[in-house]
PDB file of N, CA and C in Angstrom:
ATOM      1  N   MET A   1      28.178  16.041  -6.763  1.00  0.00           N
ATOM      2  CA  MET A   1      28.066  17.227  -7.519  1.00  0.00           C
ATOM      3  C   MET A   1      27.823  16.715  -9.073  1.00  0.00           C
ATOM      4  N   GLY A   2      27.050  17.752  -9.676  1.00  0.00           N
ATOM      5  CA  GLY A   2      26.794  17.546 -11.251  1.00  0.00           C
ATOM      6  C   GLY A   2      27.822  18.137 -11.920  1.00  0.00           C
ATOM      7  N   LEU A   3      27.445  18.333 -13.074  1.00  0.00           N
ATOM      8  CA  LEU A   3      28.271  19.022 -14.142  1.00  0.00           C
ATOM      9  C   LEU A   3      28.439  20.492 -13.737  1.00  0.00           C
ATOM     10  N   PHE A   4      29.585  21.191 -13.785  1.00  0.00           N
ATOM     11  CA  PHE A   4      29.903  22.499 -13.488  1.00  0.00           C
ATOM     12  C   PHE A   4      29.706  22.840 -12.119  1.00  0.00           C
ATOM     13  N   GLY A   5      29.832  21.925 -11.362  1.00  0.00           N
ATOM     14  CA  GLY A   5      29.767  22.060  -9.774  1.00  0.00           C
ATOM     15  C   GLY A   5      28.210  22.354  -9.236  1.00  0.00           C
ATOM     16  N   LYS A   6      27.328  22.036 -10.013  1.00  0.00           N
ATOM     17  CA  LYS A   6      25.923  22.380  -9.542  1.00  0.00           C
ATOM     18  C   LYS A   6      25.545  21.038  -8.861  1.00  0.00           C
ATOM     19  N   LYS A   7      24.714  21.285  -7.751  1.00  0.00           N
ATOM     20  CA  LYS A   7      24.133  20.065  -7.148  1.00  0.00           C
ATOM     21  C   LYS A   7      23.108  19.369  -8.095  1.00  0.00           C
ATOM     22  N   LYS A   8      23.284  18.041  -8.074  1.00  0.00           N
ATOM     23  CA  LYS A   8      22.340  17.265  -8.667  1.00  0.00           C
ATOM     24  C   LYS A   8      21.101  17.117  -7.703  1.00  0.00           C
ATOM     25  N   THR A   9      19.899  17.173  -8.519  1.00  0.00           N
ATOM     26  CA  THR A   9      18.712  17.143  -7.669  1.00  0.00           C
ATOM     27  C   THR A   9      17.943  15.594  -8.283  1.00  0.00           C
ATOM     28  N   GLU A  10      17.799  14.909  -7.424  1.00  0.00           N
ATOM     29  CA  GLU A  10      17.097  13.603  -7.855  1.00  0.00           C
ATOM     30  C   GLU A  10      15.759  13.684  -7.519  1.00  0.00           C
ATOM     31  N   LYS A  11      15.002  13.227  -8.470  1.00  0.00           N
ATOM     32  CA  LYS A  11      13.553  13.092  -8.041  1.00  0.00           C
ATOM     33  C   LYS A  11      13.101  11.777  -7.427  1.00  0.00           C
ATOM     34  N   VAL A  12      12.519  12.051  -6.232  1.00  0.00           N
ATOM     35  CA  VAL A  12      12.185  11.147  -5.256  1.00  0.00           C
ATOM     36  C   VAL A  12      10.735  10.851  -5.342  1.00  0.00           C
ATOM     37  N   GLU A  13      10.198   9.522  -5.852  1.00  0.00           N
ATOM     38  CA  GLU A  13       9.001   9.336  -5.938  1.00  0.00           C
ATOM     39  C   GLU A  13       8.276   8.812  -4.732  1.00  0.00           C
ATOM     40  N   VAL A  14       7.433   9.611  -4.229  1.00  0.00           N
ATOM     41  CA  VAL A  14       6.757   9.149  -2.924  1.00  0.00           C
ATOM     42  C   VAL A  14       5.565   8.344  -3.114  1.00  0.00           C
ATOM     43  N   SER A  15       5.419   7.200  -2.579  1.00  0.00           N
ATOM     44  CA  SER A  15       4.408   6.291  -2.717  1.00  0.00           C
ATOM     45  C   SER A  15       3.571   6.211  -1.665  1.00  0.00           C
ATOM     46  N   SER A  16       2.263   6.064  -1.846  1.00  0.00           N
ATOM     47  CA  SER A  16       1.291   5.912  -0.749  1.00  0.00           C
ATOM     48  C   SER A  16       1.040   4.399  -0.535  1.00  0.00           C
ATOM     49  N   LEU A  17       0.563   4.126   0.705  1.00  0.00           N
ATOM     50  CA  LEU A  17       0.272   2.814   0.985  1.00  0.00           C
ATOM     51  C   LEU A  17      -1.116   2.296   0.179  1.00  0.00           C
ATOM     52  N   VAL A  18      -1.930   3.178   0.033  1.00  0.00           N
ATOM     53  CA  VAL A  18      -3.322   3.013  -0.560  1.00  0.00           C
ATOM     54  C   VAL A  18      -3.189   3.526  -2.033  1.00  0.00           C
ATOM     55  N   LYS A  19      -3.509   2.761  -3.018  1.00  0.00           N
ATOM     56  CA  LYS A  19      -3.616   3.109  -4.449  1.00  0.00           C
ATOM     57  C   LYS A  19      -4.794   2.680  -5.088  1.00  0.00           C
ATOM     58  N   ILE A  20      -5.262   3.605  -6.089  1.00  0.00           N
ATOM     59  CA  ILE A  20      -6.547   3.142  -6.756  1.00  0.00           C
ATOM     60  C   ILE A  20      -5.732   2.944  -8.352  1.00  0.00           C
ATOM     61  N   LEU A  21      -5.992   1.915  -8.930  1.00  0.00           N
ATOM     62  CA  LEU A  21      -5.395   1.564 -10.252  1.00  0.00           C
ATOM     63  C   LEU A  21      -6.465   1.737 -11.433  1.00  0.00           C
ATOM     64  N   GLY A  22      -6.267   2.696 -12.276  1.00  0.00           N
ATOM     65  CA  GLY A  22      -7.154   2.835 -13.253  1.00  0.00           C
ATOM     66  C   GLY A  22      -7.069   4.134 -14.122  1.00  0.00           C
ATOM     67  N   SER A  23      -7.668   4.224 -15.254  1.00  0.00           N
ATOM     68  CA  SER A  23      -7.612   5.347 -16.159  1.00  0.00           C
ATOM     69  C   SER A  23      -8.041   6.685 -15.552  1.00  0.00           C
ATOM     70  N   GLY A  24      -8.833   6.627 -14.574  1.00  0.00           N
ATOM     71  CA  GLY A  24      -9.422   7.849 -14.082  1.00  0.00           C
ATOM     72  C   GLY A  24     -11.115   8.048 -14.618  1.00  0.00           C
ATOM     73  N   CYS A  25     -11.456   6.761 -14.857  1.00  0.00           N
ATOM     74  CA  CYS A  25     -12.951   6.806 -15.426  1.00  0.00           C
ATOM     75  C   CYS A  25     -13.988   6.790 -14.191  1.00  0.00           C
ATOM     76  N   ALA A  26     -15.167   6.899 -14.473  1.00  0.00           N
ATOM     77  CA  ALA A  26     -16.090   7.034 -13.320  1.00  0.00           C
ATOM     78  C   ALA A  26     -16.116   5.958 -12.261  1.00  0.00           C
ATOM     79  N   LYS A  27     -15.827   4.605 -12.858  1.00  0.00           N
ATOM     80  CA  LYS A  27     -15.830   3.462 -12.062  1.00  0.00           C
ATOM     81  C   LYS A  27     -14.425   3.789 -11.056  1.00  0.00           C
ATOM     82  N   CYS A  28     -13.319   4.087 -11.590  1.00  0.00           N
ATOM     83  CA  CYS A  28     -12.169   4.291 -10.702  1.00  0.00           C
ATOM     84  C   CYS A  28     -12.381   5.402  -9.686  1.00  0.00           C
ATOM     85  N   ASN A  29     -13.036   6.467 -10.102  1.00  0.00           N
ATOM     86  CA  ASN A  29     -13.391   7.549  -9.066  1.00  0.00           C
ATOM     87  C   ASN A  29     -14.247   7.159  -8.162  1.00  0.00           C
ATOM     88  N   THR A  30     -15.238   6.259  -8.392  1.00  0.00           N
ATOM     89  CA  THR A  30     -16.046   5.589  -7.376  1.00  0.00           C
ATOM     90  C   THR A  30     -15.286   4.857  -6.275  1.00  0.00           C
ATOM     91  N   LEU A  31     -14.478   3.932  -7.039  1.00  0.00           N
ATOM     92  CA  LEU A  31     -13.697   3.043  -6.034  1.00  0.00           C
ATOM     93  C   LEU A  31     -12.762   3.844  -5.148  1.00  0.00           C
ATOM     94  N   GLU A  32     -12.186   5.139  -5.559  1.00  0.00           N
ATOM     95  CA  GLU A  32     -11.492   5.960  -4.903  1.00  0.00           C
ATOM     96  C   GLU A  32     -12.223   6.586  -3.723  1.00  0.00           C
ATOM     97  N   ASP A  33     -13.511   7.119  -4.147  1.00  0.00           N
ATOM     98  CA  ASP A  33     -14.298   7.711  -3.141  1.00  0.00           C
ATOM     99  C   ASP A  33     -14.854   6.614  -2.002  1.00  0.00           C
ATOM    100  N   ASN A  34     -15.016   5.491  -2.467  1.00  0.00           N
ATOM    101  CA  ASN A  34     -15.570   4.459  -1.332  1.00  0.00           C
ATOM    102  C   ASN A  34     -14.265   4.057  -0.554  1.00  0.00           C
ATOM    103  N   THR A  35     -12.987   4.187  -1.221  1.00  0.00           N
ATOM    104  CA  THR A  35     -11.947   3.810  -0.274  1.00  0.00           C
ATOM    105  C   THR A  35     -11.669   4.971   0.816  1.00  0.00           C
ATOM    106  N   VAL A  36     -11.808   6.139   0.223  1.00  0.00           N
ATOM    107  CA  VAL A  36     -11.520   7.297   1.266  1.00  0.00           C
ATOM    108  C   VAL A  36     -12.605   7.199   2.265  1.00  0.00           C
ATOM    109  N   GLU A  37     -13.735   6.717   1.861  1.00  0.00           N
ATOM    110  CA  GLU A  37     -14.953   6.744   2.942  1.00  0.00           C
ATOM    111  C   GLU A  37     -14.547   5.556   3.793  1.00  0.00           C
ATOM    112  N   ALA A  38     -13.923   4.456   3.461  1.00  0.00           N
ATOM    113  CA  ALA A  38     -13.780   3.197   4.145  1.00  0.00           C
ATOM    114  C   ALA A  38     -12.702   3.710   5.343  1.00  0.00           C
ATOM    115  N   LEU A  39     -11.644   4.320   4.660  1.00  0.00           N
ATOM    116  CA  LEU A  39     -10.681   4.882   5.526  1.00  0.00           C
ATOM    117  C   LEU A  39     -11.203   5.735   6.675  1.00  0.00           C
ATOM    118  N   LYS A  40     -11.986   6.526   6.373  1.00  0.00           N
ATOM    119  CA  LYS A  40     -12.779   7.309   7.422  1.00  0.00           C
ATOM    120  C   LYS A  40     -13.486   6.509   8.488  1.00  0.00           C
ATOM    121  N   MET A  41     -14.174   5.330   8.005  1.00  0.00           N
ATOM    122  CA  MET A  41     -14.756   4.468   8.861  1.00  0.00           C
ATOM    123  C   MET A  41     -13.951   3.856   9.869  1.00  0.00           C
ATOM    124  N   LEU A  42     -12.701   3.658   9.333  1.00  0.00           N
ATOM    125  CA  LEU A  42     -11.636   2.994  10.254  1.00  0.00           C
ATOM    126  C   LEU A  42     -10.909   4.008  11.065  1.00  0.00           C
ATOM    127  N   GLY A  43     -11.223   5.342  10.874  1.00  0.00           N
ATOM    128  CA  GLY A  43     -10.566   6.315  11.710  1.00  0.00           C
ATOM    129  C   GLY A  43      -9.133   6.540  11.154  1.00  0.00           C
ATOM    130  N   LYS A  44      -8.757   6.387   9.854  1.00  0.00           N
ATOM    131  CA  LYS A  44      -7.495   6.455   9.371  1.00  0.00           C
ATOM    132  C   LYS A  44      -7.270   7.466   8.331  1.00  0.00           C
ATOM    133  N   GLU A  45      -6.458   8.221   8.407  1.00  0.00           N
ATOM    134  CA  GLU A  45      -6.216   9.325   7.591  1.00  0.00           C
ATOM    135  C   GLU A  45      -4.884   9.101   6.742  1.00  0.00           C
ATOM    136  N   MET A  46      -5.093   8.657   5.557  1.00  0.00           N
ATOM    137  CA  MET A  46      -3.902   8.543   4.714  1.00  0.00           C
ATOM    138  C   MET A  46      -4.136   8.889   3.283  1.00  0.00           C
ATOM    139  N   PRO A  47      -3.109   9.185   2.638  1.00  0.00           N
ATOM    140  CA  PRO A  47      -3.431   9.698   1.185  1.00  0.00           C
ATOM    141  C   PRO A  47      -3.745   8.517   0.265  1.00  0.00           C
ATOM    142  N   VAL A  48      -4.679   8.619  -0.644  1.00  0.00           N
ATOM    143  CA  VAL A  48      -4.927   7.570  -1.609  1.00  0.00           C
ATOM    144  C   VAL A  48      -4.411   8.216  -3.084  1.00  0.00           C
ATOM    145  N   GLU A  49      -3.450   7.428  -3.443  1.00  0.00           N
ATOM    146  CA  GLU A  49      -2.790   7.544  -4.803  1.00  0.00           C
ATOM    147  C   GLU A  49      -3.757   7.035  -5.794  1.00  0.00           C
ATOM    148  N   HIS A  50      -3.834   7.791  -7.107  1.00  0.00           N
ATOM    149  CA  HIS A  50      -4.469   7.314  -8.174  1.00  0.00           C
ATOM    150  C   HIS A  50      -3.483   7.214  -9.331  1.00  0.00           C
ATOM    151  N   VAL A  51      -3.179   5.840  -9.550  1.00  0.00           N
ATOM    152  CA  VAL A  51      -2.167   5.570 -10.539  1.00  0.00           C
ATOM    153  C   VAL A  51      -2.936   5.282 -11.929  1.00  0.00           C
ATOM    154  N   THR A  52      -2.503   6.138 -12.923  1.00  0.00           N
ATOM    155  CA  THR A  52      -3.125   5.910 -14.311  1.00  0.00           C
ATOM    156  C   THR A  52      -2.104   5.574 -15.331  1.00  0.00           C
ATOM    157  N   ASP A  53      -1.039   5.363 -14.946  1.00  0.00           N
ATOM    158  CA  ASP A  53       0.094   5.002 -15.977  1.00  0.00           C
ATOM    159  C   ASP A  53      -0.064   3.481 -16.039  1.00  0.00           C
ATOM    160  N   PHE A  54      -0.484   3.064 -17.390  1.00  0.00           N
ATOM    161  CA  PHE A  54      -0.818   1.631 -17.523  1.00  0.00           C
ATOM    162  C   PHE A  54       0.279   0.490 -17.466  1.00  0.00           C
ATOM    163  N   SER A  55       1.566   1.102 -17.593  1.00  0.00           N
ATOM    164  CA  SER A  55       2.586   0.222 -17.556  1.00  0.00           C
ATOM    165  C   SER A  55       2.763   0.046 -15.764  1.00  0.00           C
ATOM    166  N   LYS A  56       2.483   1.058 -15.150  1.00  0.00           N
ATOM    167  CA  LYS A  56       2.610   0.711 -13.703  1.00  0.00           C
ATOM    168  C   LYS A  56       1.585  -0.155 -13.122  1.00  0.00           C
ATOM    169  N   ILE A  57       0.407  -0.033 -13.671  1.00  0.00           N
ATOM    170  CA  ILE A  57      -0.830  -0.753 -13.288  1.00  0.00           C
ATOM    171  C   ILE A  57      -0.465  -2.170 -13.808  1.00  0.00           C
ATOM    172  N   ALA A  58       0.052  -2.528 -15.128  1.00  0.00           N
ATOM    173  CA  ALA A  58       0.377  -3.995 -15.417  1.00  0.00           C
ATOM    174  C   ALA A  58       1.370  -4.413 -14.491  1.00  0.00           C
ATOM    175  N   ALA A  59       2.407  -3.572 -13.986  1.00  0.00           N
ATOM    176  CA  ALA A  59       3.238  -4.168 -13.015  1.00  0.00           C
ATOM    177  C   ALA A  59       2.656  -4.776 -11.830  1.00  0.00           C
ATOM    178  N   TYR A  60       1.600  -4.539 -11.684  1.00  0.00           N
ATOM    179  CA  TYR A  60       0.848  -5.085 -10.199  1.00  0.00           C
ATOM    180  C   TYR A  60       0.071  -6.460 -10.778  1.00  0.00           C
ATOM    181  N   GLY A  61       0.161  -6.570 -12.025  1.00  0.00           N
ATOM    182  CA  GLY A  61      -0.411  -7.824 -12.624  1.00  0.00           C
ATOM    183  C   GLY A  61      -2.096  -7.536 -12.815  1.00  0.00           C
ATOM    184  N   VAL A  62      -2.430  -6.459 -12.865  1.00  0.00           N
ATOM    185  CA  VAL A  62      -3.852  -6.166 -12.870  1.00  0.00           C
ATOM    186  C   VAL A  62      -4.200  -5.835 -14.460  1.00  0.00           C
ATOM    187  N   MET A  63      -5.065  -6.527 -14.953  1.00  0.00           N
ATOM    188  CA  MET A  63      -5.531  -6.379 -16.342  1.00  0.00           C
ATOM    189  C   MET A  63      -6.903  -5.654 -16.569  1.00  0.00           C
ATOM    190  N   THR A  64      -7.653  -5.749 -15.567  1.00  0.00           N
ATOM    191  CA  THR A  64      -8.845  -5.053 -15.554  1.00  0.00           C
ATOM    192  C   THR A  64      -8.926  -4.062 -14.366  1.00  0.00           C
ATOM    193  N   THR A  65      -9.317  -2.968 -14.657  1.00  0.00           N
ATOM    194  CA  THR A  65      -9.508  -1.990 -13.649  1.00  0.00           C
ATOM    195  C   THR A  65     -10.976  -1.546 -13.317  1.00  0.00           C
ATOM    196  N   PRO A  66     -11.429  -0.901 -12.297  1.00  0.00           N
ATOM    197  CA  PRO A  66     -10.350  -0.348 -11.392  1.00  0.00           C
ATOM    198  C   PRO A  66     -10.080  -1.432 -10.379  1.00  0.00           C
ATOM    199  N   ALA A  67      -8.726  -0.960  -9.690  1.00  0.00           N
ATOM    200  CA  ALA A  67      -8.203  -2.029  -8.611  1.00  0.00           C
ATOM    201  C   ALA A  67      -7.901  -1.167  -7.409  1.00  0.00           C
ATOM    202  N   LEU A  68      -7.680  -1.793  -6.299  1.00  0.00           N
ATOM    203  CA  LEU A  68      -7.418  -1.322  -5.202  1.00  0.00           C
ATOM    204  C   LEU A  68      -6.126  -1.881  -4.641  1.00  0.00           C
ATOM    205  N   VAL A  69      -5.241  -1.171  -4.209  1.00  0.00           N
ATOM    206  CA  VAL A  69      -4.001  -1.777  -3.728  1.00  0.00           C
ATOM    207  C   VAL A  69      -3.633  -1.254  -2.495  1.00  0.00           C
ATOM    208  N   TYR A  70      -3.183  -2.117  -1.562  1.00  0.00           N
ATOM    209  CA  TYR A  70      -2.623  -1.578  -0.107  1.00  0.00           C
ATOM    210  C   TYR A  70      -1.307  -2.320   0.108  1.00  0.00           C
ATOM    211  N   ASP A  71      -0.218  -1.538   0.298  1.00  0.00           N
ATOM    212  CA  ASP A  71       1.093  -1.965   0.649  1.00  0.00           C
ATOM    213  C   ASP A  71       1.455  -2.985  -0.310  1.00  0.00           C
ATOM    214  N   GLN A  72       1.277  -2.379  -1.710  1.00  0.00           N
ATOM    215  CA  GLN A  72       1.757  -3.206  -2.797  1.00  0.00           C
ATOM    216  C   GLN A  72       1.062  -4.544  -3.222  1.00  0.00           C
ATOM    217  N   LYS A  73      -0.033  -4.743  -2.459  1.00  0.00           N
ATOM    218  CA  LYS A  73      -0.934  -5.893  -2.712  1.00  0.00           C
ATOM    219  C   LYS A  73      -2.188  -5.661  -3.261  1.00  0.00           C
ATOM    220  N   VAL A  74      -2.658  -6.375  -4.250  1.00  0.00           N
ATOM    221  CA  VAL A  74      -3.868  -5.939  -4.955  1.00  0.00           C
ATOM    222  C   VAL A  74      -4.983  -6.610  -4.088  1.00  0.00           C
ATOM    223  N   LEU A  75      -6.053  -5.757  -3.822  1.00  0.00           N
ATOM    224  CA  LEU A  75      -7.012  -6.302  -2.768  1.00  0.00           C
ATOM    225  C   LEU A  75      -8.405  -6.673  -3.620  1.00  0.00           C
ATOM    226  N   ILE A  76      -8.622  -5.714  -4.606  1.00  0.00           N
ATOM    227  CA  ILE A  76      -9.697  -5.763  -5.413  1.00  0.00           C
ATOM    228  C   ILE A  76      -9.223  -5.399  -6.837  1.00  0.00           C
ATOM    229  N   ALA A  77      -9.809  -6.028  -7.797  1.00  0.00           N
ATOM    230  CA  ALA A  77      -9.546  -5.809  -9.203  1.00  0.00           C
ATOM    231  C   ALA A  77     -10.661  -5.952 -10.145  1.00  0.00           C
ATOM    232  N   GLY A  78     -10.959  -5.013 -11.045  1.00  0.00           N
ATOM    233  CA  GLY A  78     -11.990  -5.259 -11.965  1.00  0.00           C
ATOM    234  C   GLY A  78     -13.364  -5.059 -11.585  1.00  0.00           C
ATOM    235  N   ARG A  79     -13.618  -4.252 -10.265  1.00  0.00           N
ATOM    236  CA  ARG A  79     -14.789  -3.867  -9.880  1.00  0.00           C
ATOM    237  C   ARG A  79     -14.943  -2.892  -8.844  1.00  0.00           C
ATOM    238  N   VAL A  80     -16.064  -2.270  -8.751  1.00  0.00           N
ATOM    239  CA  VAL A  80     -16.103  -1.313  -7.632  1.00  0.00           C
ATOM    240  C   VAL A  80     -16.619  -1.951  -6.371  1.00  0.00           C
ATOM    241  N   ALA A  81     -15.955  -1.769  -5.347  1.00  0.00           N
ATOM    242  CA  ALA A  81     -16.370  -2.407  -3.940  1.00  0.00           C
ATOM    243  C   ALA A  81     -17.015  -1.352  -3.061  1.00  0.00           C
ATOM    244  N   LYS A  82     -17.979  -1.613  -2.275  1.00  0.00           N
ATOM    245  CA  LYS A  82     -18.579  -0.624  -1.460  1.00  0.00           C
ATOM    246  C   LYS A  82     -17.598  -0.319  -0.337  1.00  0.00           C
ATOM    247  N   ALA A  83     -17.900   0.832   0.303  1.00  0.00           N
ATOM    248  CA  ALA A  83     -17.105   1.285   1.374  1.00  0.00           C
ATOM    249  C   ALA A  83     -16.831   0.186   2.578  1.00  0.00           C
ATOM    250  N   GLU A  84     -18.153  -0.364   2.834  1.00  0.00           N
ATOM    251  CA  GLU A  84     -18.193  -1.335   3.840  1.00  0.00           C
ATOM    252  C   GLU A  84     -17.416  -2.623   3.547  1.00  0.00           C
ATOM    253  N   GLU A  85     -17.246  -3.022   2.427  1.00  0.00           N
ATOM    254  CA  GLU A  85     -16.360  -4.168   1.861  1.00  0.00           C
ATOM    255  C   GLU A  85     -14.925  -3.888   2.105  1.00  0.00           C
ATOM    256  N   ILE A  86     -14.625  -2.594   1.565  1.00  0.00           N
ATOM    257  CA  ILE A  86     -13.197  -2.052   1.378  1.00  0.00           C
ATOM    258  C   ILE A  86     -12.712  -1.957   2.916  1.00  0.00           C
ATOM    259  N   ALA A  87     -13.568  -1.454   3.790  1.00  0.00           N
ATOM    260  CA  ALA A  87     -13.026  -1.259   5.238  1.00  0.00           C
ATOM    261  C   ALA A  87     -12.769  -2.596   5.961  1.00  0.00           C
ATOM    262  N   GLU A  88     -13.668  -3.559   5.680  1.00  0.00           N
ATOM    263  CA  GLU A  88     -13.338  -4.872   6.198  1.00  0.00           C
ATOM    264  C   GLU A  88     -11.927  -5.527   5.556  1.00  0.00           C
ATOM    265  N   LEU A  89     -11.852  -5.298   4.364  1.00  0.00           N
ATOM    266  CA  LEU A  89     -10.489  -5.771   3.732  1.00  0.00           C
ATOM    267  C   LEU A  89      -9.389  -5.059   4.444  1.00  0.00           C
ATOM    268  N   LEU A  90      -9.478  -3.674   4.367  1.00  0.00           N
ATOM    269  CA  LEU A  90      -8.241  -2.910   4.944  1.00  0.00           C
ATOM    270  C   LEU A  90      -8.178  -3.334   6.387  1.00  0.00           C
ATOM    271  N   LYS A  91      -9.085  -3.455   7.140  1.00  0.00           N
ATOM    272  CA  LYS A  91      -9.025  -3.702   8.776  1.00  0.00           C
ATOM    273  C   LYS A  91      -8.081  -5.219   8.661  1.00  0.00           C
ATOM    274  N   GLU A  92      -8.471  -6.158   7.874  1.00  0.00           N
ATOM    275  CA  GLU A  92      -7.747  -7.447   7.859  1.00  0.00           C
ATOM    276  C   GLU A  92      -6.186  -7.224   7.634  1.00  0.00           C
ATOM    277  N   VAL A  93      -6.157  -6.558   6.576  1.00  0.00           N
ATOM    278  CA  VAL A  93      -4.764  -6.435   6.081  1.00  0.00           C
ATOM    279  C   VAL A  93      -3.955  -5.615   7.042  1.00  0.00           C
ATOM    280  N   MET A  94      -4.594  -4.578   7.715  1.00  0.00           N
ATOM    281  CA  MET A  94      -3.867  -3.713   8.633  1.00  0.00           C
ATOM    282  C   MET A  94      -3.621  -4.508   9.771  1.00  0.00           C
ATOM    283  N   ALA A  95      -4.469  -5.224  10.309  1.00  0.00           N
ATOM    284  CA  ALA A  95      -4.124  -6.233  11.354  1.00  0.00           C
ATOM    285  C   ALA A  95      -3.037  -7.301  11.201  1.00  0.00           C
ATOM    286  N   TRP A  96      -2.938  -7.721   9.992  1.00  0.00           N
ATOM    287  CA  TRP A  96      -1.925  -8.488   9.603  1.00  0.00           C
ATOM    288  C   TRP A  96      -0.549  -7.979   9.489  1.00  0.00           C
ATOM    289  N   VAL A  97      -0.532  -6.665   9.084  1.00  0.00           N
ATOM    290  CA  VAL A  97       0.731  -6.001   9.065  1.00  0.00           C
ATOM    291  C   VAL A  97       1.190  -5.713  10.445  1.00  0.00           C
ATOM    292  N   VAL A  98       0.280  -5.342  11.311  1.00  0.00           N
ATOM    293  CA  VAL A  98       0.672  -5.205  12.812  1.00  0.00           C
ATOM    294  C   VAL A  98       1.273  -6.397  13.320  1.00  0.00           C
ATOM    295  N   LEU A  99       0.418  -7.612  13.105  1.00  0.00           N
ATOM    296  CA  LEU A  99       1.006  -8.791  13.507  1.00  0.00           C
ATOM    297  C   LEU A  99       2.527  -9.209  13.160  1.00  0.00           C
ATOM    298  N   MET A 100       2.629  -8.772  11.818  1.00  0.00           N
ATOM    299  CA  MET A 100       4.025  -9.258  11.299  1.00  0.00           C
ATOM    300  C   MET A 100       5.109  -8.301  11.909  1.00  0.00           C
ATOM    301  N   LEU A 101       4.763  -6.906  12.169  1.00  0.00           N
ATOM    302  CA  LEU A 101       5.625  -6.055  12.813  1.00  0.00           C
ATOM    303  C   LEU A 101       5.989  -6.513  14.272  1.00  0.00           C
ATOM    304  N   GLN A 102       4.855  -7.003  14.961  1.00  0.00           N
ATOM    305  CA  GLN A 102       5.165  -7.471  16.173  1.00  0.00           C
ATOM    306  C   GLN A 102       5.891  -8.704  16.239  1.00  0.00           C
ATOM    307  N   ASN A 103       5.846  -9.615  15.410  1.00  0.00           N
ATOM    308  CA  ASN A 103       6.637 -10.801  15.265  1.00  0.00           C
ATOM    309  C   ASN A 103       8.142 -10.586  14.913  1.00  0.00           C
ATOM    310  N   ALA A 104       8.299  -9.625  13.956  1.00  0.00           N
ATOM    311  CA  ALA A 104       9.630  -9.060  13.645  1.00  0.00           C
ATOM    312  C   ALA A 104      10.291  -8.476  15.061  1.00  0.00           C
ATOM    313  N   LEU A 105       9.531  -7.762  15.789  1.00  0.00           N
ATOM    314  CA  LEU A 105      10.183  -7.218  16.973  1.00  0.00           C
ATOM    315  C   LEU A 105      10.495  -8.218  17.944  1.00  0.00           C
ATOM    316  N   VAL A 106       9.770  -9.135  18.062  1.00  0.00           N
ATOM    317  CA  VAL A 106       9.985 -10.350  19.139  1.00  0.00           C
ATOM    318  C   VAL A 106      11.095 -11.130  18.471  1.00  0.00           C
ATOM    319  N   LEU A 107      11.319 -11.354  17.239  1.00  0.00           N
ATOM    320  CA  LEU A 107      12.473 -12.032  16.778  1.00  0.00           C
ATOM    321  C   LEU A 107      13.676 -11.165  16.956  1.00  0.00           C
ATOM    322  N   LYS A 108      13.664  -9.975  16.907  1.00  0.00           N
ATOM    323  CA  LYS A 108      14.719  -9.091  17.088  1.00  0.00           C
ATOM    324  C   LYS A 108      15.152  -9.178  18.477  1.00  0.00           C
ATOM    325  N   GLN A 109      14.305  -9.226  19.383  1.00  0.00           N
ATOM    326  CA  GLN A 109      14.550  -9.344  20.840  1.00  0.00           C
ATOM    327  C   GLN A 109      15.113 -10.732  21.108  1.00  0.00           C
ATOM    328  N   LEU A 110      14.616 -11.711  20.343  1.00  0.00           N
ATOM    329  CA  LEU A 110      15.268 -12.957  20.731  1.00  0.00           C
ATOM    330  C   LEU A 110      16.545 -13.439  20.215  1.00  0.00           C
ATOM    331  N   ALA A 111      16.990 -12.592  19.184  1.00  0.00           N
ATOM    332  CA  ALA A 111      18.162 -12.798  18.279  1.00  0.00           C
ATOM    333  C   ALA A 111      19.404 -12.943  19.272  1.00  0.00           C
ATOM    334  N   PRO A 112      19.634 -12.024  20.118  1.00  0.00           N
ATOM    335  CA  PRO A 112      20.817 -12.216  21.125  1.00  0.00           C
ATOM    336  C   PRO A 112      20.538 -13.417  21.925  1.00  0.00           C
ATOM    337  N   ILE A 113      19.436 -13.561  22.461  1.00  0.00           N
ATOM    338  CA  ILE A 113      19.420 -14.848  23.435  1.00  0.00           C
ATOM    339  C   ILE A 113      19.885 -16.063  22.589  1.00  0.00           C
ATOM    340  N   MET A 114      19.200 -16.151  21.425  1.00  0.00           N
ATOM    341  CA  MET A 114      19.484 -17.348  20.617  1.00  0.00           C
ATOM    342  C   MET A 114      21.047 -17.539  20.310  1.00  0.00           C
ATOM    343  N   GLU A 115      21.463 -16.370  19.943  1.00  0.00           N
ATOM    344  CA  GLU A 115      23.095 -16.348  19.581  1.00  0.00           C
ATOM    345  C   GLU A 115      23.737 -16.726  20.888  1.00  0.00           C
ATOM    346  N   ASN A 116      23.367 -16.408  21.998  1.00  0.00           N
ATOM    347  CA  ASN A 116      24.130 -16.796  23.327  1.00  0.00           C
ATOM    348  C   ASN A 116      23.997 -18.121  23.493  1.00  0.00           C
ATOM    349  N   ALA A 117      22.828 -18.791  23.153  1.00  0.00           N
ATOM    350  CA  ALA A 117      22.602 -20.129  23.525  1.00  0.00           C
ATOM    351  C   ALA A 117      23.422 -21.077  22.691  1.00  0.00           C
ATOM    352  N   ALA A 118      23.512 -20.400  21.296  1.00  0.00           N
ATOM    353  CA  ALA A 118      24.134 -21.294  20.324  1.00  0.00           C
ATOM    354  C   ALA A 118      25.717 -21.340  20.764  1.00  0.00           C
ATOM    355  N   ILE A 119      26.197 -20.217  21.300  1.00  0.00           N
ATOM    356  CA  ILE A 119      27.625 -20.394  21.705  1.00  0.00           C
ATOM    357  C   ILE A 119      27.895 -21.261  23.152  1.00  0.00           C
ATOM    358  N   ALA A 120      26.813 -21.439  23.976  1.00  0.00           N
ATOM    359  CA  ALA A 120      27.207 -22.104  25.207  1.00  0.00           C
ATOM    360  C   ALA A 120      26.878 -23.631  24.812  1.00  0.00           C
TER     361      ALA A 120
END
């Protein structure tokens, strides 16, 4: 509860997996359009967030824009990539993420077995 019994409302920042970093210039907008096209080519529907706050852009280590970020990792910086190149990069990164999730699931399933083996 906040002051005078009023409920506190916290601002929750929703973050997209796919981000375009840049001021909103023509190149940034073109990279965003190409990214949306690449996602469509892959049959993926997900929001693309456009980050224009320079302190947030700098937090990614990006000094030249536009830049493309997927899952907090900078994939492209300082240039406009074509939709086909973006699609290939996203396909590789998404496959890697799936592989990591599968490995984590296997490790979770193995944990009790390993624990029992250590006891015996």
